[in-house]
Amino acid sequence: MSRPSLRPEPAGQDLTGLAAPPDWTAVFGRPGPLELEIGSGAGGFALEYVRRHPEVNYVAFEWRKKYARETLFRAQARGYGNLRVLEADARFEIPRLFEPGSVAAIHLQFPDPWWKRAHLKRAVVQPDFSQLLFGLLEPGGRFDLRTDVEDRARRMLEILEAAGLVNPLGPLAFHPFDPDEVPSTRERRYLVSGQPVYRARLVKPSSEERR
């Protein structure tokens, strides 16, 4: 998709800056598994995911206004009532918007690798934030991670597994490509070019499994 122009309608302004989590059933007008995406970019993954999974209530965070608003516009044009887009920094909004144990799945697709050492602190997957995300997931909840940078992938796996998430294939193992998965816009290009993608599908164990 070409770079969109900035559409005038803000995305998710009614949900940013809240002091307490909203009633998500009321926000979506129905109950359903609550899933969130951190850094939805141009919206290719989010839009296709909610099309394939109409039962899911999906919240997509993207700090770049152009992309967030374009994703919202496309969702509205297609009648996808199960997608909410927020033009906001997920690290600041997520702690205010979700109750512990309320999220069925978290998706993180190709986060910025922050190549300069001085900028690494800006990375999404940090120990404290990963502990918070772990707490938001319900028992059995999933964390879907994909990146094209191997060393960043390994570091993120270390942090996420240390936070308590379990890798079904074993510690620090990457998952093979599953043709039934929804690819993001970026991943579709890599599937054509053959460039490697490092995937992990981690799970929050139940309280019995953690004993």
N, C-alpha and C. Protein backbone atom coordinates (compact mmCIF):
# COMPACT_ATOMS: atom_id res chain seq x y z
N MET A 1 0.84 -1.18 0.00
CA MET A 1 0.00 0.00 0.00
C MET A 1 0.89 1.23 0.00
N SER A 2 0.55 2.23 -0.81
CA SER A 2 1.31 3.47 -0.83
C SER A 2 1.07 4.23 0.47
N ARG A 3 1.99 5.14 0.77
CA ARG A 3 1.86 5.91 2.00
C ARG A 3 0.58 6.73 1.97
N PRO A 4 -0.26 6.59 2.99
CA PRO A 4 -1.53 7.33 2.96
C PRO A 4 -1.32 8.79 3.34
N SER A 5 -2.22 9.62 2.88
CA SER A 5 -2.25 10.99 3.37
C SER A 5 -2.94 10.99 4.72
N LEU A 6 -2.77 12.06 5.48
CA LEU A 6 -3.34 12.11 6.82
C LEU A 6 -4.84 12.39 6.74
N ARG A 7 -5.64 11.40 7.10
CA ARG A 7 -7.09 11.59 7.11
C ARG A 7 -7.49 12.42 8.33
N PRO A 8 -8.59 13.17 8.24
CA PRO A 8 -8.93 14.10 9.31
C PRO A 8 -9.49 13.46 10.57
N GLU A 9 -10.08 12.26 10.46
CA GLU A 9 -10.73 11.65 11.62
C GLU A 9 -9.72 10.95 12.52
N PRO A 10 -9.52 11.42 13.77
CA PRO A 10 -8.60 10.74 14.68
C PRO A 10 -9.06 9.31 14.96
N ALA A 11 -8.10 8.46 15.28
CA ALA A 11 -8.40 7.06 15.55
C ALA A 11 -8.34 6.80 17.06
N GLY A 12 -9.46 6.44 17.61
CA GLY A 12 -9.51 6.01 19.01
C GLY A 12 -9.37 7.10 20.03
N GLN A 13 -9.68 8.31 19.67
CA GLN A 13 -9.51 9.43 20.61
C GLN A 13 -10.36 9.26 21.87
N ASP A 14 -11.50 8.59 21.74
CA ASP A 14 -12.38 8.39 22.89
C ASP A 14 -11.84 7.37 23.87
N LEU A 15 -10.80 6.63 23.46
CA LEU A 15 -10.26 5.58 24.32
C LEU A 15 -8.87 5.90 24.88
N THR A 16 -8.26 6.96 24.42
CA THR A 16 -6.92 7.30 24.89
C THR A 16 -7.00 8.20 26.12
N GLY A 17 -6.05 8.00 27.03
CA GLY A 17 -5.98 8.85 28.21
C GLY A 17 -6.98 8.52 29.29
N LEU A 18 -7.64 7.36 29.20
CA LEU A 18 -8.62 6.99 30.23
C LEU A 18 -7.91 6.64 31.54
N ALA A 19 -8.57 6.91 32.65
CA ALA A 19 -7.98 6.63 33.95
C ALA A 19 -8.18 5.18 34.37
N ALA A 20 -9.16 4.51 33.78
CA ALA A 20 -9.47 3.12 34.12
C ALA A 20 -9.91 2.39 32.87
N PRO A 21 -9.76 1.06 32.85
CA PRO A 21 -10.17 0.30 31.66
C PRO A 21 -11.64 0.47 31.35
N PRO A 22 -11.98 0.59 30.08
CA PRO A 22 -13.39 0.67 29.69
C PRO A 22 -14.05 -0.70 29.74
N ASP A 23 -15.35 -0.71 29.62
CA ASP A 23 -16.10 -1.95 29.46
C ASP A 23 -16.01 -2.32 27.98
N TRP A 24 -15.13 -3.26 27.65
CA TRP A 24 -14.89 -3.56 26.25
C TRP A 24 -16.10 -4.21 25.58
N THR A 25 -16.91 -4.90 26.35
CA THR A 25 -18.14 -5.44 25.78
C THR A 25 -19.04 -4.31 25.30
N ALA A 26 -19.09 -3.23 26.08
CA ALA A 26 -19.89 -2.07 25.67
C ALA A 26 -19.24 -1.34 24.51
N VAL A 27 -17.91 -1.24 24.50
CA VAL A 27 -17.20 -0.55 23.41
C VAL A 27 -17.51 -1.22 22.08
N PHE A 28 -17.48 -2.55 22.07
CA PHE A 28 -17.72 -3.28 20.82
C PHE A 28 -19.20 -3.60 20.61
N GLY A 29 -20.00 -3.41 21.64
CA GLY A 29 -21.42 -3.71 21.51
C GLY A 29 -21.74 -5.17 21.57
N ARG A 30 -20.80 -5.96 22.11
CA ARG A 30 -21.01 -7.41 22.18
C ARG A 30 -19.86 -8.03 22.97
N PRO A 31 -20.07 -9.22 23.55
CA PRO A 31 -18.95 -9.93 24.16
C PRO A 31 -18.11 -10.60 23.09
N GLY A 32 -16.90 -10.98 23.45
CA GLY A 32 -16.03 -11.68 22.51
C GLY A 32 -14.62 -11.71 23.03
N PRO A 33 -13.80 -12.65 22.54
CA PRO A 33 -12.39 -12.68 22.94
C PRO A 33 -11.71 -11.36 22.59
N LEU A 34 -10.98 -10.81 23.55
CA LEU A 34 -10.33 -9.52 23.36
C LEU A 34 -8.87 -9.74 22.97
N GLU A 35 -8.49 -9.24 21.79
CA GLU A 35 -7.12 -9.37 21.32
C GLU A 35 -6.57 -7.99 21.00
N LEU A 36 -5.25 -7.84 21.11
CA LEU A 36 -4.66 -6.54 20.80
C LEU A 36 -3.39 -6.73 19.97
N GLU A 37 -3.12 -5.71 19.17
CA GLU A 37 -1.91 -5.67 18.36
C GLU A 37 -1.12 -4.43 18.71
N ILE A 38 0.17 -4.62 18.93
CA ILE A 38 1.06 -3.51 19.27
C ILE A 38 1.84 -3.14 18.01
N GLY A 39 1.57 -1.96 17.48
CA GLY A 39 2.24 -1.51 16.27
C GLY A 39 1.62 -2.14 15.04
N SER A 40 0.41 -1.70 14.68
CA SER A 40 -0.31 -2.33 13.57
C SER A 40 0.12 -1.81 12.20
N GLY A 41 0.99 -0.80 12.15
CA GLY A 41 1.52 -0.32 10.88
C GLY A 41 0.42 0.07 9.91
N ALA A 42 0.55 -0.39 8.68
CA ALA A 42 -0.42 -0.05 7.64
C ALA A 42 -1.73 -0.82 7.77
N GLY A 43 -1.82 -1.71 8.75
CA GLY A 43 -3.09 -2.38 9.03
C GLY A 43 -3.35 -3.64 8.24
N GLY A 44 -2.37 -4.10 7.45
CA GLY A 44 -2.61 -5.28 6.63
C GLY A 44 -2.97 -6.50 7.45
N PHE A 45 -2.26 -6.72 8.55
CA PHE A 45 -2.55 -7.89 9.40
C PHE A 45 -3.89 -7.71 10.11
N ALA A 46 -4.09 -6.56 10.74
CA ALA A 46 -5.30 -6.34 11.53
C ALA A 46 -6.56 -6.49 10.69
N LEU A 47 -6.57 -5.90 9.51
CA LEU A 47 -7.77 -5.93 8.67
C LEU A 47 -8.09 -7.35 8.20
N GLU A 48 -7.08 -8.10 7.82
CA GLU A 48 -7.33 -9.46 7.37
C GLU A 48 -7.69 -10.37 8.55
N TYR A 49 -7.05 -10.12 9.70
CA TYR A 49 -7.32 -10.96 10.87
C TYR A 49 -8.77 -10.82 11.32
N VAL A 50 -9.27 -9.59 11.40
CA VAL A 50 -10.65 -9.42 11.87
C VAL A 50 -11.65 -9.92 10.82
N ARG A 51 -11.25 -9.89 9.54
CA ARG A 51 -12.13 -10.47 8.51
C ARG A 51 -12.26 -11.98 8.72
N ARG A 52 -11.13 -12.63 9.00
CA ARG A 52 -11.15 -14.08 9.17
C ARG A 52 -11.72 -14.49 10.52
N HIS A 53 -11.63 -13.61 11.50
CA HIS A 53 -12.06 -13.96 12.86
C HIS A 53 -13.10 -12.94 13.35
N PRO A 54 -14.30 -12.99 12.79
CA PRO A 54 -15.32 -12.01 13.15
C PRO A 54 -15.78 -12.11 14.60
N GLU A 55 -15.46 -13.21 15.26
CA GLU A 55 -15.86 -13.39 16.66
C GLU A 55 -14.97 -12.62 17.63
N VAL A 56 -13.80 -12.17 17.15
CA VAL A 56 -12.81 -11.51 18.01
C VAL A 56 -13.07 -10.02 18.10
N ASN A 57 -12.89 -9.44 19.29
CA ASN A 57 -12.87 -7.99 19.48
C ASN A 57 -11.41 -7.56 19.50
N TYR A 58 -11.01 -6.78 18.50
CA TYR A 58 -9.59 -6.55 18.22
C TYR A 58 -9.25 -5.07 18.41
N VAL A 59 -8.19 -4.80 19.18
CA VAL A 59 -7.74 -3.43 19.44
C VAL A 59 -6.32 -3.29 18.87
N ALA A 60 -6.16 -2.38 17.91
CA ALA A 60 -4.86 -2.19 17.24
C ALA A 60 -4.28 -0.84 17.64
N PHE A 61 -3.03 -0.86 18.09
CA PHE A 61 -2.31 0.36 18.46
C PHE A 61 -1.28 0.70 17.38
N GLU A 62 -1.27 1.95 16.97
CA GLU A 62 -0.27 2.44 16.01
C GLU A 62 -0.03 3.93 16.29
N TRP A 63 1.19 4.29 16.62
CA TRP A 63 1.46 5.68 17.01
C TRP A 63 1.54 6.63 15.83
N ARG A 64 1.79 6.10 14.61
CA ARG A 64 1.85 6.96 13.43
C ARG A 64 0.42 7.26 12.96
N LYS A 65 0.04 8.51 13.06
CA LYS A 65 -1.34 8.89 12.80
C LYS A 65 -1.80 8.52 11.40
N LYS A 66 -0.95 8.69 10.40
CA LYS A 66 -1.36 8.39 9.03
C LYS A 66 -1.83 6.94 8.90
N TYR A 67 -1.04 6.04 9.45
CA TYR A 67 -1.37 4.62 9.31
C TYR A 67 -2.56 4.24 10.17
N ALA A 68 -2.62 4.77 11.39
CA ALA A 68 -3.75 4.45 12.27
C ALA A 68 -5.06 4.91 11.65
N ARG A 69 -5.08 6.13 11.14
CA ARG A 69 -6.32 6.67 10.57
C ARG A 69 -6.70 5.97 9.27
N GLU A 70 -5.71 5.59 8.49
CA GLU A 70 -6.00 4.86 7.26
C GLU A 70 -6.59 3.49 7.57
N THR A 71 -6.02 2.82 8.57
CA THR A 71 -6.56 1.52 8.97
C THR A 71 -7.99 1.66 9.45
N LEU A 72 -8.27 2.69 10.26
CA LEU A 72 -9.63 2.93 10.73
C LEU A 72 -10.57 3.19 9.56
N PHE A 73 -10.14 4.00 8.61
CA PHE A 73 -10.97 4.31 7.44
C PHE A 73 -11.30 3.04 6.66
N ARG A 74 -10.32 2.21 6.43
CA ARG A 74 -10.54 0.98 5.67
C ARG A 74 -11.44 0.01 6.43
N ALA A 75 -11.27 -0.05 7.76
CA ALA A 75 -12.14 -0.93 8.56
C ALA A 75 -13.59 -0.47 8.48
N GLN A 76 -13.80 0.82 8.58
CA GLN A 76 -15.16 1.35 8.52
C GLN A 76 -15.76 1.14 7.13
N ALA A 77 -14.94 1.34 6.10
CA ALA A 77 -15.44 1.16 4.74
C ALA A 77 -15.85 -0.29 4.47
N ARG A 78 -15.19 -1.23 5.15
CA ARG A 78 -15.49 -2.64 4.95
C ARG A 78 -16.50 -3.18 5.95
N GLY A 79 -16.93 -2.32 6.86
CA GLY A 79 -17.93 -2.73 7.84
C GLY A 79 -17.41 -3.65 8.92
N TYR A 80 -16.12 -3.52 9.26
CA TYR A 80 -15.53 -4.37 10.29
C TYR A 80 -15.79 -3.74 11.67
N GLY A 81 -16.87 -4.11 12.28
CA GLY A 81 -17.22 -3.56 13.58
C GLY A 81 -16.44 -4.15 14.72
N ASN A 82 -15.63 -5.17 14.46
CA ASN A 82 -14.87 -5.82 15.53
C ASN A 82 -13.43 -5.33 15.61
N LEU A 83 -13.14 -4.16 15.02
CA LEU A 83 -11.79 -3.58 15.08
C LEU A 83 -11.87 -2.16 15.60
N ARG A 84 -11.04 -1.87 16.62
CA ARG A 84 -10.84 -0.51 17.11
C ARG A 84 -9.36 -0.17 16.92
N VAL A 85 -9.10 1.01 16.38
CA VAL A 85 -7.74 1.47 16.13
C VAL A 85 -7.45 2.67 17.01
N LEU A 86 -6.29 2.68 17.66
CA LEU A 86 -5.90 3.80 18.51
C LEU A 86 -4.59 4.38 18.00
N GLU A 87 -4.58 5.67 17.70
CA GLU A 87 -3.34 6.34 17.31
C GLU A 87 -2.66 6.80 18.60
N ALA A 88 -1.88 5.88 19.19
CA ALA A 88 -1.30 6.11 20.50
C ALA A 88 -0.12 5.18 20.71
N ASP A 89 0.72 5.53 21.68
CA ASP A 89 1.84 4.68 22.07
C ASP A 89 1.30 3.59 22.98
N ALA A 90 1.39 2.37 22.52
CA ALA A 90 0.82 1.24 23.27
C ALA A 90 1.42 1.12 24.66
N ARG A 91 2.67 1.48 24.82
CA ARG A 91 3.32 1.32 26.13
C ARG A 91 2.66 2.18 27.20
N PHE A 92 2.10 3.32 26.80
CA PHE A 92 1.46 4.20 27.76
C PHE A 92 -0.02 3.90 27.93
N GLU A 93 -0.67 3.45 26.88
CA GLU A 93 -2.12 3.25 26.93
C GLU A 93 -2.53 1.87 27.43
N ILE A 94 -1.78 0.85 27.08
CA ILE A 94 -2.18 -0.52 27.45
C ILE A 94 -2.35 -0.70 28.96
N PRO A 95 -1.43 -0.18 29.80
CA PRO A 95 -1.63 -0.37 31.24
C PRO A 95 -2.93 0.23 31.77
N ARG A 96 -3.47 1.25 31.09
CA ARG A 96 -4.70 1.90 31.54
C ARG A 96 -5.95 1.25 30.98
N LEU A 97 -5.82 0.54 29.87
CA LEU A 97 -7.00 0.11 29.11
C LEU A 97 -7.43 -1.32 29.35
N PHE A 98 -6.59 -2.15 29.95
CA PHE A 98 -6.92 -3.57 30.05
C PHE A 98 -6.76 -4.08 31.47
N GLU A 99 -7.73 -4.88 31.89
CA GLU A 99 -7.69 -5.50 33.20
C GLU A 99 -6.77 -6.74 33.16
N PRO A 100 -6.15 -7.08 34.27
CA PRO A 100 -5.37 -8.33 34.32
C PRO A 100 -6.23 -9.53 33.94
N GLY A 101 -5.66 -10.41 33.14
CA GLY A 101 -6.35 -11.63 32.75
C GLY A 101 -7.49 -11.45 31.77
N SER A 102 -7.54 -10.30 31.08
CA SER A 102 -8.68 -10.01 30.20
C SER A 102 -8.40 -10.19 28.72
N VAL A 103 -7.14 -10.43 28.35
CA VAL A 103 -6.74 -10.44 26.94
C VAL A 103 -6.48 -11.87 26.47
N ALA A 104 -7.09 -12.24 25.36
CA ALA A 104 -6.94 -13.60 24.84
C ALA A 104 -5.67 -13.77 24.01
N ALA A 105 -5.23 -12.70 23.35
CA ALA A 105 -4.03 -12.81 22.50
C ALA A 105 -3.43 -11.42 22.29
N ILE A 106 -2.09 -11.41 22.18
CA ILE A 106 -1.34 -10.20 21.87
C ILE A 106 -0.51 -10.48 20.63
N HIS A 107 -0.56 -9.56 19.67
CA HIS A 107 0.19 -9.71 18.41
C HIS A 107 1.24 -8.61 18.31
N LEU A 108 2.46 -8.99 18.02
CA LEU A 108 3.55 -8.03 17.82
C LEU A 108 4.25 -8.40 16.52
N GLN A 109 4.05 -7.57 15.50
CA GLN A 109 4.54 -7.87 14.16
C GLN A 109 5.66 -6.91 13.76
N PHE A 110 6.84 -7.43 13.58
CA PHE A 110 7.97 -6.67 13.03
C PHE A 110 8.19 -5.34 13.76
N PRO A 111 8.43 -5.40 15.07
CA PRO A 111 8.68 -4.15 15.80
C PRO A 111 9.99 -3.51 15.34
N ASP A 112 10.08 -2.21 15.50
CA ASP A 112 11.30 -1.49 15.14
C ASP A 112 12.48 -2.08 15.90
N PRO A 113 13.55 -2.50 15.21
CA PRO A 113 14.68 -3.13 15.90
C PRO A 113 15.56 -2.16 16.67
N TRP A 114 15.42 -0.85 16.44
CA TRP A 114 16.24 0.16 17.13
C TRP A 114 17.72 -0.22 17.09
N TRP A 115 18.33 0.02 15.97
CA TRP A 115 19.69 -0.44 15.71
C TRP A 115 20.73 0.20 16.63
N LYS A 116 20.53 1.47 16.99
CA LYS A 116 21.53 2.13 17.84
C LYS A 116 21.36 1.68 19.29
N ARG A 117 22.50 1.37 19.92
CA ARG A 117 22.45 0.88 21.29
C ARG A 117 21.74 1.86 22.23
N ALA A 118 21.95 3.14 22.00
CA ALA A 118 21.34 4.15 22.86
C ALA A 118 19.82 4.18 22.74
N HIS A 119 19.29 3.59 21.66
CA HIS A 119 17.84 3.61 21.42
C HIS A 119 17.15 2.32 21.84
N LEU A 120 17.91 1.33 22.30
CA LEU A 120 17.32 0.04 22.62
C LEU A 120 16.25 0.14 23.70
N LYS A 121 16.37 1.15 24.56
CA LYS A 121 15.38 1.31 25.63
C LYS A 121 13.99 1.63 25.07
N ARG A 122 13.93 2.04 23.78
CA ARG A 122 12.64 2.34 23.17
C ARG A 122 11.93 1.08 22.67
N ALA A 123 12.62 -0.05 22.66
CA ALA A 123 12.02 -1.29 22.16
C ALA A 123 10.79 -1.66 22.98
N VAL A 124 9.82 -2.24 22.32
CA VAL A 124 8.57 -2.63 23.00
C VAL A 124 8.82 -3.72 24.03
N VAL A 125 9.58 -4.74 23.64
CA VAL A 125 9.78 -5.89 24.53
C VAL A 125 10.92 -5.57 25.49
N GLN A 126 10.54 -5.11 26.66
CA GLN A 126 11.43 -4.85 27.78
C GLN A 126 10.93 -5.67 28.97
N PRO A 127 11.80 -6.00 29.92
CA PRO A 127 11.37 -6.86 31.03
C PRO A 127 10.12 -6.37 31.76
N ASP A 128 10.06 -5.11 32.15
CA ASP A 128 8.92 -4.63 32.93
C ASP A 128 7.63 -4.66 32.11
N PHE A 129 7.69 -4.20 30.86
CA PHE A 129 6.49 -4.18 30.04
C PHE A 129 6.05 -5.60 29.69
N SER A 130 7.00 -6.50 29.51
CA SER A 130 6.65 -7.89 29.22
C SER A 130 5.96 -8.54 30.40
N GLN A 131 6.39 -8.19 31.63
CA GLN A 131 5.69 -8.70 32.81
C GLN A 131 4.26 -8.18 32.85
N LEU A 132 4.07 -6.92 32.48
CA LEU A 132 2.72 -6.35 32.45
C LEU A 132 1.86 -7.07 31.42
N LEU A 133 2.40 -7.28 30.22
CA LEU A 133 1.64 -7.97 29.18
C LEU A 133 1.29 -9.40 29.61
N PHE A 134 2.22 -10.06 30.26
CA PHE A 134 1.96 -11.41 30.76
C PHE A 134 0.76 -11.39 31.71
N GLY A 135 0.71 -10.38 32.59
CA GLY A 135 -0.39 -10.28 33.53
C GLY A 135 -1.72 -10.00 32.88
N LEU A 136 -1.71 -9.31 31.74
CA LEU A 136 -2.97 -9.00 31.05
C LEU A 136 -3.56 -10.21 30.34
N LEU A 137 -2.71 -11.15 29.94
CA LEU A 137 -3.21 -12.33 29.24
C LEU A 137 -4.00 -13.23 30.18
N GLU A 138 -5.05 -13.80 29.64
CA GLU A 138 -5.80 -14.82 30.38
C GLU A 138 -5.01 -16.13 30.36
N PRO A 139 -5.26 -17.05 31.31
CA PRO A 139 -4.60 -18.36 31.24
C PRO A 139 -4.87 -19.02 29.90
N GLY A 140 -3.83 -19.50 29.26
CA GLY A 140 -3.97 -20.06 27.92
C GLY A 140 -3.88 -19.02 26.83
N GLY A 141 -3.76 -17.73 27.19
CA GLY A 141 -3.64 -16.66 26.21
C GLY A 141 -2.36 -16.75 25.41
N ARG A 142 -2.40 -16.20 24.19
CA ARG A 142 -1.28 -16.36 23.25
C ARG A 142 -0.53 -15.04 23.04
N PHE A 143 0.75 -15.16 22.79
CA PHE A 143 1.57 -14.03 22.36
C PHE A 143 2.20 -14.41 21.03
N ASP A 144 1.81 -13.69 19.98
CA ASP A 144 2.25 -13.97 18.61
C ASP A 144 3.32 -12.95 18.23
N LEU A 145 4.54 -13.43 18.01
CA LEU A 145 5.68 -12.55 17.70
C LEU A 145 6.26 -12.91 16.34
N ARG A 146 6.52 -11.87 15.54
CA ARG A 146 7.20 -12.08 14.26
C ARG A 146 8.15 -10.92 14.00
N THR A 147 9.33 -11.24 13.49
CA THR A 147 10.32 -10.22 13.16
C THR A 147 11.25 -10.77 12.08
N ASP A 148 11.94 -9.88 11.40
CA ASP A 148 12.91 -10.29 10.39
C ASP A 148 14.34 -10.10 10.87
N VAL A 149 14.54 -9.80 12.15
CA VAL A 149 15.87 -9.56 12.71
C VAL A 149 16.16 -10.64 13.74
N GLU A 150 17.07 -11.56 13.40
CA GLU A 150 17.27 -12.75 14.22
C GLU A 150 17.75 -12.44 15.63
N ASP A 151 18.75 -11.58 15.78
CA ASP A 151 19.27 -11.34 17.12
C ASP A 151 18.24 -10.64 18.00
N ARG A 152 17.42 -9.75 17.41
CA ARG A 152 16.35 -9.13 18.19
C ARG A 152 15.30 -10.16 18.55
N ALA A 153 15.03 -11.09 17.65
CA ALA A 153 14.06 -12.15 17.93
C ALA A 153 14.51 -12.99 19.12
N ARG A 154 15.77 -13.35 19.15
CA ARG A 154 16.28 -14.16 20.26
C ARG A 154 16.21 -13.40 21.57
N ARG A 155 16.55 -12.12 21.52
CA ARG A 155 16.50 -11.32 22.74
C ARG A 155 15.07 -11.17 23.24
N MET A 156 14.12 -10.95 22.33
CA MET A 156 12.73 -10.83 22.73
C MET A 156 12.20 -12.13 23.32
N LEU A 157 12.60 -13.26 22.73
CA LEU A 157 12.17 -14.55 23.28
C LEU A 157 12.70 -14.74 24.69
N GLU A 158 13.96 -14.37 24.93
CA GLU A 158 14.53 -14.48 26.27
C GLU A 158 13.71 -13.70 27.28
N ILE A 159 13.36 -12.46 26.92
CA ILE A 159 12.62 -11.60 27.84
C ILE A 159 11.21 -12.12 28.07
N LEU A 160 10.53 -12.51 27.00
CA LEU A 160 9.15 -12.97 27.11
C LEU A 160 9.05 -14.28 27.88
N GLU A 161 9.98 -15.18 27.64
CA GLU A 161 9.97 -16.44 28.38
C GLU A 161 10.33 -16.22 29.84
N ALA A 162 11.23 -15.27 30.10
CA ALA A 162 11.57 -14.94 31.49
C ALA A 162 10.37 -14.34 32.22
N ALA A 163 9.49 -13.67 31.47
CA ALA A 163 8.28 -13.08 32.08
C ALA A 163 7.25 -14.14 32.46
N GLY A 164 7.41 -15.36 31.95
CA GLY A 164 6.51 -16.45 32.31
C GLY A 164 5.81 -17.12 31.14
N LEU A 165 5.95 -16.57 29.94
CA LEU A 165 5.34 -17.20 28.77
C LEU A 165 6.07 -18.48 28.41
N VAL A 166 5.33 -19.45 27.95
CA VAL A 166 5.87 -20.76 27.63
C VAL A 166 5.95 -20.94 26.12
N ASN A 167 7.07 -21.45 25.66
CA ASN A 167 7.27 -21.75 24.25
C ASN A 167 6.97 -23.24 24.04
N PRO A 168 5.88 -23.57 23.34
CA PRO A 168 5.52 -24.99 23.19
C PRO A 168 6.59 -25.83 22.50
N LEU A 169 7.45 -25.21 21.70
CA LEU A 169 8.50 -25.95 20.99
C LEU A 169 9.79 -26.03 21.77
N GLY A 170 9.81 -25.46 22.96
CA GLY A 170 11.02 -25.47 23.78
C GLY A 170 11.61 -24.07 23.89
N PRO A 171 12.41 -23.83 24.92
CA PRO A 171 12.97 -22.50 25.15
C PRO A 171 13.72 -21.96 23.94
N LEU A 172 13.40 -20.71 23.60
CA LEU A 172 14.08 -19.96 22.53
C LEU A 172 13.89 -20.56 21.14
N ALA A 173 12.92 -21.44 20.98
CA ALA A 173 12.69 -22.06 19.67
C ALA A 173 11.79 -21.18 18.82
N PHE A 174 12.13 -21.10 17.52
CA PHE A 174 11.28 -20.39 16.57
C PHE A 174 10.26 -21.37 15.98
N HIS A 175 9.14 -20.84 15.58
CA HIS A 175 8.07 -21.65 15.01
C HIS A 175 8.12 -21.62 13.49
N PRO A 176 7.82 -22.72 12.85
CA PRO A 176 7.80 -22.73 11.38
C PRO A 176 6.62 -21.95 10.85
N PHE A 177 6.70 -21.59 9.59
CA PHE A 177 5.61 -20.89 8.92
C PHE A 177 4.39 -21.79 8.85
N ASP A 178 3.25 -21.23 9.17
CA ASP A 178 1.97 -21.93 9.09
C ASP A 178 1.15 -21.26 7.99
N PRO A 179 0.84 -21.96 6.91
CA PRO A 179 0.09 -21.34 5.81
C PRO A 179 -1.29 -20.86 6.19
N ASP A 180 -1.81 -21.32 7.34
CA ASP A 180 -3.13 -20.87 7.78
C ASP A 180 -3.06 -19.56 8.56
N GLU A 181 -1.85 -19.12 8.90
CA GLU A 181 -1.71 -17.86 9.62
C GLU A 181 -1.98 -16.68 8.69
N VAL A 182 -2.38 -15.57 9.29
CA VAL A 182 -2.58 -14.34 8.54
C VAL A 182 -1.22 -13.63 8.42
N PRO A 183 -0.72 -13.39 7.20
CA PRO A 183 0.53 -12.64 7.06
C PRO A 183 0.27 -11.14 7.04
N SER A 184 1.19 -10.38 7.62
CA SER A 184 1.10 -8.93 7.51
C SER A 184 1.52 -8.51 6.11
N THR A 185 1.33 -7.23 5.81
CA THR A 185 1.75 -6.70 4.51
C THR A 185 3.23 -6.95 4.30
N ARG A 186 4.02 -6.70 5.32
CA ARG A 186 5.46 -6.89 5.22
C ARG A 186 5.81 -8.36 5.06
N GLU A 187 5.15 -9.21 5.81
CA GLU A 187 5.46 -10.63 5.73
C GLU A 187 5.12 -11.20 4.36
N ARG A 188 4.07 -10.72 3.73
CA ARG A 188 3.75 -11.20 2.39
C ARG A 188 4.89 -10.94 1.42
N ARG A 189 5.55 -9.80 1.55
CA ARG A 189 6.69 -9.51 0.69
C ARG A 189 7.83 -10.49 0.95
N TYR A 190 8.04 -10.82 2.22
CA TYR A 190 9.12 -11.74 2.57
C TYR A 190 8.83 -13.16 2.10
N LEU A 191 7.57 -13.54 2.12
CA LEU A 191 7.21 -14.87 1.65
C LEU A 191 7.51 -15.01 0.16
N VAL A 192 7.37 -13.92 -0.58
CA VAL A 192 7.68 -13.93 -2.02
C VAL A 192 9.18 -13.91 -2.25
N SER A 193 9.90 -13.08 -1.48
CA SER A 193 11.33 -12.92 -1.70
C SER A 193 12.17 -14.02 -1.06
N GLY A 194 11.59 -14.76 -0.12
CA GLY A 194 12.33 -15.80 0.57
C GLY A 194 13.13 -15.31 1.76
N GLN A 195 12.99 -14.05 2.11
CA GLN A 195 13.70 -13.52 3.27
C GLN A 195 13.16 -14.16 4.53
N PRO A 196 14.05 -14.57 5.46
CA PRO A 196 13.58 -15.29 6.64
C PRO A 196 12.75 -14.41 7.58
N VAL A 197 11.78 -15.04 8.20
CA VAL A 197 10.97 -14.42 9.23
C VAL A 197 11.07 -15.31 10.47
N TYR A 198 11.32 -14.71 11.61
CA TYR A 198 11.48 -15.44 12.87
C TYR A 198 10.18 -15.30 13.66
N ARG A 199 9.53 -16.45 13.88
CA ARG A 199 8.19 -16.48 14.47
C ARG A 199 8.22 -17.23 15.80
N ALA A 200 7.37 -16.78 16.71
CA ALA A 200 7.17 -17.51 17.96
C ALA A 200 5.72 -17.35 18.39
N ARG A 201 5.14 -18.44 18.87
CA ARG A 201 3.77 -18.43 19.38
C ARG A 201 3.83 -18.94 20.82
N LEU A 202 3.89 -18.00 21.73
CA LEU A 202 4.05 -18.31 23.14
C LEU A 202 2.68 -18.36 23.83
N VAL A 203 2.64 -19.02 24.98
CA VAL A 203 1.38 -19.25 25.67
C VAL A 203 1.56 -18.94 27.16
N LYS A 204 0.52 -18.34 27.75
CA LYS A 204 0.51 -18.17 29.20
C LYS A 204 -0.07 -19.43 29.82
N PRO A 205 0.68 -20.09 30.68
CA PRO A 205 0.17 -21.35 31.26
C PRO A 205 -0.93 -21.05 32.28
N SER A 206 -1.74 -22.07 32.54
CA SER A 206 -2.74 -21.94 33.58
C SER A 206 -2.05 -21.98 34.94
N SER A 207 -2.77 -21.59 35.98
CA SER A 207 -2.17 -21.58 37.31
C SER A 207 -1.74 -23.00 37.72
N GLU A 208 -2.48 -24.02 37.30
CA GLU A 208 -2.11 -25.40 37.63
C GLU A 208 -0.81 -25.78 36.96
N GLU A 209 -0.65 -25.34 35.70
CA GLU A 209 0.56 -25.69 34.96
C GLU A 209 1.79 -25.00 35.52
N ARG A 210 1.61 -23.85 36.20
CA ARG A 210 2.74 -23.10 36.72
C ARG A 210 3.22 -23.61 38.07
N ARG A 211 2.45 -24.53 38.67
CA ARG A 211 2.82 -25.06 39.98
C ARG A 211 4.02 -26.00 39.87
